[in-house]
Amino acid sequence: MAPRTSPGAGRLEVVDARTCLFTASSNPLREPAVHVAVKGFDFEVPDPPEPVPVLRKVRDRLDRADGRPRLGVRRHGV
């Protein structure tokens, strides 16, 4: 992640050869959530869980962007 983000975005700590911990705080929560989501790699939200609903809203918004209906996806209220 280090080559894909700026030091000002948050604190990056090495966990092992394939894993790092990125810590950021922002209000609103969508900013660090989207920052990590667009970096092009898988990630988890370990703690606190507050960014998870934000990520789901962003996911749903991006999913609707192509205009094609999806089964089981809410089309309003997000």
PDB file of N, CA and C in Angstrom:
ATOM      1  N   MET A   1       0.820  -1.195   0.000  1.00  0.00           N
ATOM      2  CA  MET A   1       0.000   0.000   0.000  1.00  0.00           C
ATOM      3  C   MET A   1       0.861   1.255   0.000  1.00  0.00           C
ATOM      4  N   ALA A   2       2.046   1.185   0.545  1.00  0.00           N
ATOM      5  CA  ALA A   2       2.889   2.378   0.664  1.00  0.00           C
ATOM      6  C   ALA A   2       3.085   3.118  -0.659  1.00  0.00           C
ATOM      7  N   PRO A   3       3.358   2.427  -1.773  1.00  0.00           N
ATOM      8  CA  PRO A   3       3.530   3.162  -3.024  1.00  0.00           C
ATOM      9  C   PRO A   3       2.239   3.770  -3.564  1.00  0.00           C
ATOM     10  N   ARG A   4       1.109   3.332  -3.044  1.00  0.00           N
ATOM     11  CA  ARG A   4      -0.177   3.783  -3.573  1.00  0.00           C
ATOM     12  C   ARG A   4      -0.865   4.827  -2.708  1.00  0.00           C
ATOM     13  N   THR A   5      -0.242   5.266  -1.661  1.00  0.00           N
ATOM     14  CA  THR A   5      -0.884   6.236  -0.778  1.00  0.00           C
ATOM     15  C   THR A   5       0.145   7.237  -0.265  1.00  0.00           C
ATOM     16  N   SER A   6      -0.322   8.369   0.191  1.00  0.00           N
ATOM     17  CA  SER A   6       0.584   9.393   0.717  1.00  0.00           C
ATOM     18  C   SER A   6       0.679   9.258   2.236  1.00  0.00           C
ATOM     19  N   PRO A   7       1.800   9.655   2.816  1.00  0.00           N
ATOM     20  CA  PRO A   7       1.953   9.574   4.269  1.00  0.00           C
ATOM     21  C   PRO A   7       0.898  10.379   5.029  1.00  0.00           C
ATOM     22  N   GLY A   8       0.395  11.425   4.416  1.00  0.00           N
ATOM     23  CA  GLY A   8      -0.618  12.242   5.073  1.00  0.00           C
ATOM     24  C   GLY A   8      -1.992  11.606   5.156  1.00  0.00           C
ATOM     25  N   ALA A   9      -2.191  10.514   4.427  1.00  0.00           N
ATOM     26  CA  ALA A   9      -3.501   9.853   4.416  1.00  0.00           C
ATOM     27  C   ALA A   9      -3.766   9.070   5.689  1.00  0.00           C
ATOM     28  N   GLY A  10      -2.707   8.619   6.357  1.00  0.00           N
ATOM     29  CA  GLY A  10      -2.873   7.832   7.574  1.00  0.00           C
ATOM     30  C   GLY A  10      -1.563   7.163   7.945  1.00  0.00           C
ATOM     31  N   ARG A  11      -1.606   6.376   8.988  1.00  0.00           N
ATOM     32  CA  ARG A  11      -0.412   5.679   9.469  1.00  0.00           C
ATOM     33  C   ARG A  11      -0.409   4.252   8.914  1.00  0.00           C
ATOM     34  N   LEU A  12       0.723   3.835   8.376  1.00  0.00           N
ATOM     35  CA  LEU A  12       0.881   2.518   7.784  1.00  0.00           C
ATOM     36  C   LEU A  12       1.901   1.740   8.602  1.00  0.00           C
ATOM     37  N   GLU A  13       1.490   0.549   9.084  1.00  0.00           N
ATOM     38  CA  GLU A  13       2.377  -0.290   9.887  1.00  0.00           C
ATOM     39  C   GLU A  13       2.503  -1.665   9.228  1.00  0.00           C
ATOM     40  N   VAL A  14       3.711  -2.165   9.137  1.00  0.00           N
ATOM     41  CA  VAL A  14       3.952  -3.492   8.570  1.00  0.00           C
ATOM     42  C   VAL A  14       3.525  -4.548   9.585  1.00  0.00           C
ATOM     43  N   VAL A  15       2.737  -5.524   9.125  1.00  0.00           N
ATOM     44  CA  VAL A  15       2.343  -6.660   9.959  1.00  0.00           C
ATOM     45  C   VAL A  15       3.215  -7.859   9.603  1.00  0.00           C
ATOM     46  N   ASP A  16       3.308  -8.153   8.304  1.00  0.00           N
ATOM     47  CA  ASP A  16       4.191  -9.205   7.804  1.00  0.00           C
ATOM     48  C   ASP A  16       4.512  -8.887   6.346  1.00  0.00           C
ATOM     49  N   ALA A  17       5.109  -9.828   5.631  1.00  0.00           N
ATOM     50  CA  ALA A  17       5.544  -9.571   4.258  1.00  0.00           C
ATOM     51  C   ALA A  17       4.393  -9.267   3.303  1.00  0.00           C
ATOM     52  N   ARG A  18       3.177  -9.680   3.640  1.00  0.00           N
ATOM     53  CA  ARG A  18       2.026  -9.462   2.753  1.00  0.00           C
ATOM     54  C   ARG A  18       0.930  -8.603   3.359  1.00  0.00           C
ATOM     55  N   THR A  19       1.097  -8.175   4.595  1.00  0.00           N
ATOM     56  CA  THR A  19       0.008  -7.501   5.303  1.00  0.00           C
ATOM     57  C   THR A  19       0.506  -6.235   5.974  1.00  0.00           C
ATOM     58  N   CYS A  20      -0.353  -5.213   5.947  1.00  0.00           N
ATOM     59  CA  CYS A  20      -0.058  -3.989   6.686  1.00  0.00           C
ATOM     60  C   CYS A  20      -1.333  -3.531   7.380  1.00  0.00           C
ATOM     61  N   LEU A  21      -1.167  -2.640   8.325  1.00  0.00           N
ATOM     62  CA  LEU A  21      -2.289  -2.042   9.038  1.00  0.00           C
ATOM     63  C   LEU A  21      -2.280  -0.565   8.716  1.00  0.00           C
ATOM     64  N   PHE A  22      -3.371  -0.082   8.121  1.00  0.00           N
ATOM     65  CA  PHE A  22      -3.527   1.320   7.769  1.00  0.00           C
ATOM     66  C   PHE A  22      -4.506   1.937   8.751  1.00  0.00           C
ATOM     67  N   THR A  23      -4.072   2.957   9.460  1.00  0.00           N
ATOM     68  CA  THR A  23      -4.916   3.614  10.447  1.00  0.00           C
ATOM     69  C   THR A  23      -5.138   5.050  10.009  1.00  0.00           C
ATOM     70  N   ALA A  24      -6.406   5.421   9.907  1.00  0.00           N
ATOM     71  CA  ALA A  24      -6.754   6.786   9.501  1.00  0.00           C
ATOM     72  C   ALA A  24      -8.006   7.210  10.243  1.00  0.00           C
ATOM     73  N   SER A  25      -8.134   8.487  10.422  1.00  0.00           N
ATOM     74  CA  SER A  25      -9.363   9.009  11.012  1.00  0.00           C
ATOM     75  C   SER A  25      -9.807  10.196  10.186  1.00  0.00           C
ATOM     76  N   SER A  26     -11.081  10.289  10.035  1.00  0.00           N
ATOM     77  CA  SER A  26     -11.645  11.374   9.255  1.00  0.00           C
ATOM     78  C   SER A  26     -13.126  11.465   9.558  1.00  0.00           C
ATOM     79  N   ASN A  27     -13.644  12.630   9.362  1.00  0.00           N
ATOM     80  CA  ASN A  27     -15.071  12.816   9.479  1.00  0.00           C
ATOM     81  C   ASN A  27     -15.501  13.541   8.221  1.00  0.00           C
ATOM     82  N   PRO A  28     -16.218  12.988   7.329  1.00  0.00           N
ATOM     83  CA  PRO A  28     -16.958  11.732   7.441  1.00  0.00           C
ATOM     84  C   PRO A  28     -16.078  10.507   7.196  1.00  0.00           C
ATOM     85  N   LEU A  29     -16.574   9.365   7.641  1.00  0.00           N
ATOM     86  CA  LEU A  29     -15.848   8.102   7.517  1.00  0.00           C
ATOM     87  C   LEU A  29     -15.651   7.657   6.074  1.00  0.00           C
ATOM     88  N   ARG A  30     -16.452   8.161   5.166  1.00  0.00           N
ATOM     89  CA  ARG A  30     -16.351   7.690   3.780  1.00  0.00           C
ATOM     90  C   ARG A  30     -15.007   8.040   3.152  1.00  0.00           C
ATOM     91  N   GLU A  31     -14.342   9.082   3.623  1.00  0.00           N
ATOM     92  CA  GLU A  31     -13.080   9.475   2.999  1.00  0.00           C
ATOM     93  C   GLU A  31     -11.995   8.406   3.146  1.00  0.00           C
ATOM     94  N   PRO A  32     -11.656   7.939   4.356  1.00  0.00           N
ATOM     95  CA  PRO A  32     -10.649   6.872   4.409  1.00  0.00           C
ATOM     96  C   PRO A  32     -11.155   5.560   3.829  1.00  0.00           C
ATOM     97  N   ALA A  33     -12.453   5.294   3.935  1.00  0.00           N
ATOM     98  CA  ALA A  33     -13.003   4.057   3.379  1.00  0.00           C
ATOM     99  C   ALA A  33     -12.830   4.031   1.865  1.00  0.00           C
ATOM    100  N   VAL A  34     -13.163   5.116   1.201  1.00  0.00           N
ATOM    101  CA  VAL A  34     -13.027   5.188  -0.247  1.00  0.00           C
ATOM    102  C   VAL A  34     -11.548   5.226  -0.633  1.00  0.00           C
ATOM    103  N   HIS A  35     -10.737   5.919   0.145  1.00  0.00           N
ATOM    104  CA  HIS A  35      -9.295   5.989  -0.118  1.00  0.00           C
ATOM    105  C   HIS A  35      -8.706   4.582  -0.228  1.00  0.00           C
ATOM    106  N   VAL A  36      -9.021   3.728   0.710  1.00  0.00           N
ATOM    107  CA  VAL A  36      -8.499   2.365   0.696  1.00  0.00           C
ATOM    108  C   VAL A  36      -9.177   1.540  -0.394  1.00  0.00           C
ATOM    109  N   ALA A  37     -10.466   1.710  -0.587  1.00  0.00           N
ATOM    110  CA  ALA A  37     -11.214   0.899  -1.552  1.00  0.00           C
ATOM    111  C   ALA A  37     -10.711   1.055  -2.982  1.00  0.00           C
ATOM    112  N   VAL A  38     -10.214   2.217  -3.347  1.00  0.00           N
ATOM    113  CA  VAL A  38      -9.788   2.439  -4.733  1.00  0.00           C
ATOM    114  C   VAL A  38      -8.325   2.084  -4.977  1.00  0.00           C
ATOM    115  N   LYS A  39      -7.637   1.545  -4.001  1.00  0.00           N
ATOM    116  CA  LYS A  39      -6.218   1.240  -4.149  1.00  0.00           C
ATOM    117  C   LYS A  39      -5.937  -0.019  -4.955  1.00  0.00           C
ATOM    118  N   GLY A  40      -6.938  -0.866  -5.167  1.00  0.00           N
ATOM    119  CA  GLY A  40      -6.762  -2.017  -6.039  1.00  0.00           C
ATOM    120  C   GLY A  40      -6.287  -3.287  -5.368  1.00  0.00           C
ATOM    121  N   PHE A  41      -6.560  -3.435  -4.078  1.00  0.00           N
ATOM    122  CA  PHE A  41      -6.210  -4.672  -3.392  1.00  0.00           C
ATOM    123  C   PHE A  41      -7.266  -4.981  -2.353  1.00  0.00           C
ATOM    124  N   ASP A  42      -7.333  -6.235  -1.921  1.00  0.00           N
ATOM    125  CA  ASP A  42      -8.296  -6.648  -0.906  1.00  0.00           C
ATOM    126  C   ASP A  42      -7.903  -6.082   0.446  1.00  0.00           C
ATOM    127  N   PHE A  43      -8.906  -5.831   1.282  1.00  0.00           N
ATOM    128  CA  PHE A  43      -8.643  -5.325   2.623  1.00  0.00           C
ATOM    129  C   PHE A  43      -9.765  -5.733   3.552  1.00  0.00           C
ATOM    130  N   GLU A  44      -9.523  -5.646   4.839  1.00  0.00           N
ATOM    131  CA  GLU A  44     -10.514  -5.917   5.876  1.00  0.00           C
ATOM    132  C   GLU A  44     -10.597  -4.710   6.795  1.00  0.00           C
ATOM    133  N   VAL A  45     -11.741  -4.551   7.428  1.00  0.00           N
ATOM    134  CA  VAL A  45     -11.926  -3.518   8.442  1.00  0.00           C
ATOM    135  C   VAL A  45     -11.927  -4.235   9.789  1.00  0.00           C
ATOM    136  N   PRO A  46     -10.763  -4.262  10.485  1.00  0.00           N
ATOM    137  CA  PRO A  46     -10.682  -5.036  11.721  1.00  0.00           C
ATOM    138  C   PRO A  46     -11.425  -4.403  12.896  1.00  0.00           C
ATOM    139  N   ASP A  47     -11.228  -3.115  13.114  1.00  0.00           N
ATOM    140  CA  ASP A  47     -11.829  -2.468  14.268  1.00  0.00           C
ATOM    141  C   ASP A  47     -11.549  -0.988  14.183  1.00  0.00           C
ATOM    142  N   PRO A  48     -12.411  -0.113  14.464  1.00  0.00           N
ATOM    143  CA  PRO A  48     -13.806  -0.311  14.826  1.00  0.00           C
ATOM    144  C   PRO A  48     -14.653  -0.597  13.589  1.00  0.00           C
ATOM    145  N   PRO A  49     -15.855  -1.126  13.768  1.00  0.00           N
ATOM    146  CA  PRO A  49     -16.680  -1.530  12.623  1.00  0.00           C
ATOM    147  C   PRO A  49     -17.422  -0.377  11.935  1.00  0.00           C
ATOM    148  N   GLU A  50     -17.288   0.845  12.417  1.00  0.00           N
ATOM    149  CA  GLU A  50     -18.064   1.962  11.867  1.00  0.00           C
ATOM    150  C   GLU A  50     -17.898   2.178  10.362  1.00  0.00           C
ATOM    151  N   PRO A  51     -16.712   1.940   9.768  1.00  0.00           N
ATOM    152  CA  PRO A  51     -16.607   2.139   8.314  1.00  0.00           C
ATOM    153  C   PRO A  51     -17.372   1.117   7.475  1.00  0.00           C
ATOM    154  N   VAL A  52     -17.769  -0.010   8.028  1.00  0.00           N
ATOM    155  CA  VAL A  52     -18.410  -1.063   7.236  1.00  0.00           C
ATOM    156  C   VAL A  52     -19.712  -0.579   6.588  1.00  0.00           C
ATOM    157  N   PRO A  53     -20.645   0.043   7.296  1.00  0.00           N
ATOM    158  CA  PRO A  53     -21.851   0.533   6.620  1.00  0.00           C
ATOM    159  C   PRO A  53     -21.542   1.600   5.573  1.00  0.00           C
ATOM    160  N   VAL A  54     -20.514   2.395   5.820  1.00  0.00           N
ATOM    161  CA  VAL A  54     -20.106   3.407   4.844  1.00  0.00           C
ATOM    162  C   VAL A  54     -19.628   2.721   3.567  1.00  0.00           C
ATOM    163  N   LEU A  55     -18.794   1.692   3.718  1.00  0.00           N
ATOM    164  CA  LEU A  55     -18.312   0.944   2.552  1.00  0.00           C
ATOM    165  C   LEU A  55     -19.467   0.282   1.802  1.00  0.00           C
ATOM    166  N   ARG A  56     -20.454  -0.224   2.531  1.00  0.00           N
ATOM    167  CA  ARG A  56     -21.608  -0.850   1.866  1.00  0.00           C
ATOM    168  C   ARG A  56     -22.386   0.175   1.050  1.00  0.00           C
ATOM    169  N   LYS A  57     -22.544   1.374   1.581  1.00  0.00           N
ATOM    170  CA  LYS A  57     -23.244   2.433   0.830  1.00  0.00           C
ATOM    171  C   LYS A  57     -22.467   2.814  -0.422  1.00  0.00           C
ATOM    172  N   VAL A  58     -21.165   2.938  -0.306  1.00  0.00           N
ATOM    173  CA  VAL A  58     -20.337   3.256  -1.469  1.00  0.00           C
ATOM    174  C   VAL A  58     -20.421   2.118  -2.484  1.00  0.00           C
ATOM    175  N   ARG A  59     -20.326   0.870  -2.000  1.00  0.00           N
ATOM    176  CA  ARG A  59     -20.441  -0.302  -2.888  1.00  0.00           C
ATOM    177  C   ARG A  59     -21.763  -0.272  -3.650  1.00  0.00           C
ATOM    178  N   ASP A  60     -22.861  -0.022  -2.939  1.00  0.00           N
ATOM    179  CA  ASP A  60     -24.166  -0.007  -3.585  1.00  0.00           C
ATOM    180  C   ASP A  60     -24.277   1.133  -4.593  1.00  0.00           C
ATOM    181  N   ARG A  61     -23.719   2.282  -4.260  1.00  0.00           N
ATOM    182  CA  ARG A  61     -23.746   3.431  -5.164  1.00  0.00           C
ATOM    183  C   ARG A  61     -22.961   3.121  -6.440  1.00  0.00           C
ATOM    184  N   LEU A  62     -21.786   2.518  -6.290  1.00  0.00           N
ATOM    185  CA  LEU A  62     -20.989   2.140  -7.459  1.00  0.00           C
ATOM    186  C   LEU A  62     -21.680   1.056  -8.272  1.00  0.00           C
ATOM    187  N   ASP A  63     -22.345   0.136  -7.592  1.00  0.00           N
ATOM    188  CA  ASP A  63     -23.054  -0.939  -8.274  1.00  0.00           C
ATOM    189  C   ASP A  63     -24.193  -0.390  -9.133  1.00  0.00           C
ATOM    190  N   ARG A  64     -24.819   0.678  -8.685  1.00  0.00           N
ATOM    191  CA  ARG A  64     -25.919   1.276  -9.446  1.00  0.00           C
ATOM    192  C   ARG A  64     -25.431   2.179 -10.576  1.00  0.00           C
ATOM    193  N   ALA A  65     -24.168   2.498 -10.607  1.00  0.00           N
ATOM    194  CA  ALA A  65     -23.648   3.480 -11.550  1.00  0.00           C
ATOM    195  C   ALA A  65     -23.835   3.088 -13.009  1.00  0.00           C
ATOM    196  N   ASP A  66     -23.857   1.807 -13.314  1.00  0.00           N
ATOM    197  CA  ASP A  66     -24.023   1.408 -14.713  1.00  0.00           C
ATOM    198  C   ASP A  66     -25.489   1.365 -15.134  1.00  0.00           C
ATOM    199  N   GLY A  67     -26.410   1.575 -14.204  1.00  0.00           N
ATOM    200  CA  GLY A  67     -27.827   1.663 -14.531  1.00  0.00           C
ATOM    201  C   GLY A  67     -28.533   0.340 -14.748  1.00  0.00           C
ATOM    202  N   ARG A  68     -27.812  -0.768 -14.652  1.00  0.00           N
ATOM    203  CA  ARG A  68     -28.450  -2.072 -14.862  1.00  0.00           C
ATOM    204  C   ARG A  68     -29.067  -2.558 -13.558  1.00  0.00           C
ATOM    205  N   PRO A  69     -30.303  -3.056 -13.604  1.00  0.00           N
ATOM    206  CA  PRO A  69     -30.931  -3.569 -12.386  1.00  0.00           C
ATOM    207  C   PRO A  69     -30.232  -4.821 -11.878  1.00  0.00           C
ATOM    208  N   ARG A  70     -30.179  -4.983 -10.582  1.00  0.00           N
ATOM    209  CA  ARG A  70     -29.570  -6.141  -9.946  1.00  0.00           C
ATOM    210  C   ARG A  70     -30.602  -6.781  -9.025  1.00  0.00           C
ATOM    211  N   LEU A  71     -30.643  -8.085  -8.991  1.00  0.00           N
ATOM    212  CA  LEU A  71     -31.537  -8.776  -8.077  1.00  0.00           C
ATOM    213  C   LEU A  71     -31.048  -8.575  -6.652  1.00  0.00           C
ATOM    214  N   GLY A  72     -31.952  -8.250  -5.754  1.00  0.00           N
ATOM    215  CA  GLY A  72     -31.606  -8.139  -4.350  1.00  0.00           C
ATOM    216  C   GLY A  72     -30.913  -6.845  -3.965  1.00  0.00           C
ATOM    217  N   VAL A  73     -30.737  -5.922  -4.875  1.00  0.00           N
ATOM    218  CA  VAL A  73     -30.082  -4.640  -4.552  1.00  0.00           C
ATOM    219  C   VAL A  73     -31.147  -3.573  -4.460  1.00  0.00           C
ATOM    220  N   ARG A  74     -31.137  -2.883  -3.334  1.00  0.00           N
ATOM    221  CA  ARG A  74     -32.077  -1.782  -3.151  1.00  0.00           C
ATOM    222  C   ARG A  74     -31.794  -0.685  -4.141  1.00  0.00           C
ATOM    223  N   ARG A  75     -32.813  -0.126  -4.752  1.00  0.00           N
ATOM    224  CA  ARG A  75     -32.631   0.900  -5.772  1.00  0.00           C
ATOM    225  C   ARG A  75     -32.917   2.300  -5.242  1.00  0.00           C
ATOM    226  N   HIS A  76     -33.229   2.428  -3.967  1.00  0.00           N
ATOM    227  CA  HIS A  76     -33.503   3.757  -3.414  1.00  0.00           C
ATOM    228  C   HIS A  76     -33.103   3.779  -1.943  1.00  0.00           C
ATOM    229  N   GLY A  77     -33.043   4.947  -1.375  1.00  0.00           N
ATOM    230  CA  GLY A  77     -32.797   5.093   0.047  1.00  0.00           C
ATOM    231  C   GLY A  77     -31.351   4.980   0.469  1.00  0.00           C
ATOM    232  N   VAL A  78     -30.420   4.987  -0.459  1.00  0.00           N
ATOM    233  CA  VAL A  78     -28.997   4.928  -0.092  1.00  0.00           C
ATOM    234  C   VAL A  78     -28.352   6.236  -0.410  1.00  0.00           C
TER     235      VAL A  78
END
